Amino acid sequence: MEVIHKIGRRKTAVARVYLSEGKGDITVNNRDVTNYFPTATLQYKVKQAFALTNTEDNYDVKVNVYGGGITGQAEAIRLALSRALCEIDEENRIALKPEGLLTRDPRMVERKKFGQKKARKKFQFSKR
């Protein structure tokens, strides 16, 4: 099996995933996944696609991720891994699609408007 390359995005985070046959090592920006994502929730998000397709220890993963925060990065990696697993075996799509792992979340941060404090918040109004 050759190396499979896929891209996942979430907010402003972009993850490039390289999937190859192996024994389950996940490397994020040249660091171990447990070191890069300290909380169990984020580690679960990264490994969720493998758990749903029962392929936890079948593939080695090398990830380059930049932009956004750690939650956005974890979800970008999850999307890229799901896309890669679907390319390997089309049967994986049946397990991943109902969980929403193949859907690109389009929500982005709304821009700040001029004359306002934030995107929606206004400066305090003074009548007198």
Protein backbone atom coordinates (compact mmCIF):
# COMPACT_ATOMS: atom_id res chain seq x y z
CA MET A 1 0.00 0.00 0.00
CA GLU A 2 1.33 3.43 -0.93
CA VAL A 3 1.06 6.50 1.31
CA ILE A 4 -2.37 8.16 1.16
CA HIS A 5 -2.42 11.95 1.47
CA LYS A 6 -5.60 13.82 2.50
CA ILE A 7 -6.44 17.31 3.76
CA GLY A 8 -8.93 18.26 6.49
CA ARG A 9 -10.00 21.74 7.57
CA ARG A 10 -11.91 23.22 10.51
CA LYS A 11 -12.25 26.97 11.21
CA THR A 12 -8.74 28.21 10.29
CA ALA A 13 -6.92 24.93 11.04
CA VAL A 14 -5.55 22.90 8.12
CA ALA A 15 -4.34 19.31 8.62
CA ARG A 16 -2.37 17.34 6.04
CA VAL A 17 -2.49 13.60 6.83
CA TYR A 18 -0.20 10.89 5.43
CA LEU A 19 -1.60 7.38 6.08
CA SER A 20 0.47 4.22 5.57
CA GLU A 21 0.47 0.58 6.70
CA GLY A 22 1.91 0.20 10.19
CA LYS A 23 1.24 -0.56 13.81
CA GLY A 24 -0.82 2.45 14.97
CA ASP A 25 1.71 5.24 15.52
CA ILE A 26 0.22 8.74 15.22
CA THR A 27 2.69 11.63 14.87
CA VAL A 28 1.46 15.25 14.87
CA ASN A 29 4.03 17.92 13.88
CA ASN A 30 6.88 15.47 14.71
CA ARG A 31 5.44 14.88 18.21
CA ASP A 32 3.46 11.96 19.62
CA VAL A 33 -0.33 12.46 19.59
CA THR A 34 -0.58 12.10 23.40
CA ASN A 35 2.09 14.77 23.77
CA TYR A 36 0.58 17.18 21.22
CA PHE A 37 -3.05 16.84 22.43
CA PRO A 38 -2.89 16.72 26.25
CA THR A 39 -6.58 16.07 27.02
CA ALA A 40 -8.31 12.73 26.55
CA THR A 41 -11.19 14.40 24.66
CA LEU A 42 -8.90 15.72 21.92
CA GLN A 43 -7.08 12.37 21.68
CA TYR A 44 -10.46 10.65 21.33
CA LYS A 45 -11.45 13.04 18.51
CA VAL A 46 -8.27 12.25 16.59
CA LYS A 47 -8.69 8.48 17.00
CA GLN A 48 -12.49 8.42 16.53
CA ALA A 49 -12.39 7.43 12.84
CA PHE A 50 -10.16 4.45 13.65
CA ALA A 51 -12.42 3.37 16.52
CA LEU A 52 -15.56 3.43 14.34
CA THR A 53 -13.90 1.38 11.56
CA ASN A 54 -12.06 -1.02 13.95
CA THR A 55 -8.64 -0.19 12.46
CA GLU A 56 -6.84 1.24 15.54
CA ASP A 57 -3.51 -0.56 15.11
CA ASN A 58 -3.45 -1.05 11.33
CA TYR A 59 -2.04 2.27 10.08
CA ASP A 60 0.74 4.71 10.88
CA VAL A 61 -0.26 8.37 10.60
CA LYS A 62 1.97 11.39 10.04
CA VAL A 63 0.20 14.75 10.38
CA ASN A 64 1.24 18.31 9.56
CA VAL A 65 -1.26 20.75 11.08
CA TYR A 66 -1.23 24.53 11.40
CA GLY A 67 -3.63 27.39 12.16
CA GLY A 68 -6.48 27.68 14.63
CA GLY A 69 -6.53 26.29 18.15
CA ILE A 70 -6.04 22.74 19.38
CA THR A 71 -9.73 21.80 19.16
CA GLY A 72 -9.98 22.99 15.56
CA GLN A 73 -6.75 21.17 14.75
CA ALA A 74 -8.01 17.92 16.30
CA GLU A 75 -11.25 18.11 14.29
CA ALA A 76 -9.32 18.94 11.09
CA ILE A 77 -7.20 15.81 11.64
CA ARG A 78 -10.36 13.77 12.26
CA LEU A 79 -11.85 14.89 8.93
CA ALA A 80 -8.64 14.14 7.01
CA LEU A 81 -8.32 10.68 8.60
CA SER A 82 -11.96 9.88 7.78
CA ARG A 83 -11.40 10.86 4.15
CA ALA A 84 -8.26 8.71 3.98
CA LEU A 85 -10.02 5.67 5.48
CA CYS A 86 -12.82 6.03 2.91
CA GLU A 87 -10.25 6.01 0.10
CA ILE A 88 -8.71 2.80 1.48
CA ASP A 89 -12.04 0.96 1.77
CA GLU A 90 -15.41 2.30 0.59
CA GLU A 91 -17.12 0.16 3.28
CA ASN A 92 -15.72 2.55 5.93
CA ARG A 93 -18.03 5.25 4.55
CA ILE A 94 -21.06 3.38 5.95
CA ALA A 95 -19.66 3.64 9.50
CA LEU A 96 -18.31 7.22 9.26
CA LYS A 97 -21.09 9.05 7.39
CA PRO A 98 -23.87 8.71 10.04
CA GLU A 99 -21.48 10.03 12.73
CA GLY A 100 -20.85 13.17 10.65
CA LEU A 101 -17.11 12.58 10.30
CA LEU A 102 -17.11 13.15 6.53
CA THR A 103 -18.83 16.55 6.73
CA ARG A 104 -16.73 19.72 6.54
CA ASP A 105 -18.02 22.04 9.27
CA PRO A 106 -18.54 25.38 7.46
CA ARG A 107 -18.83 27.55 10.59
CA MET A 108 -16.19 30.27 10.70
CA VAL A 109 -15.57 33.25 12.97
CA GLU A 110 -17.70 36.24 11.94
CA ARG A 111 -15.70 39.35 11.08
CA LYS A 112 -15.62 42.41 13.31
CA LYS A 113 -17.60 45.37 11.94
CA PHE A 114 -16.41 48.96 12.13
CA GLY A 115 -18.17 51.17 14.68
CA GLN A 116 -18.77 48.11 16.88
CA LYS A 117 -16.85 46.44 19.69
CA LYS A 118 -16.96 42.94 18.13
CA ALA A 119 -18.90 41.18 15.36
CA ARG A 120 -22.30 41.67 17.05
CA LYS A 121 -21.54 43.51 20.30
CA LYS A 122 -21.97 47.28 20.15
CA PHE A 123 -20.38 50.06 22.17
CA GLN A 124 -22.50 51.15 25.15
CA PHE A 125 -25.26 53.54 24.07
CA SER A 126 -25.59 56.77 26.02
CA LYS A 127 -28.81 58.71 25.62
CA ARG A 128 -27.50 61.85 27.39
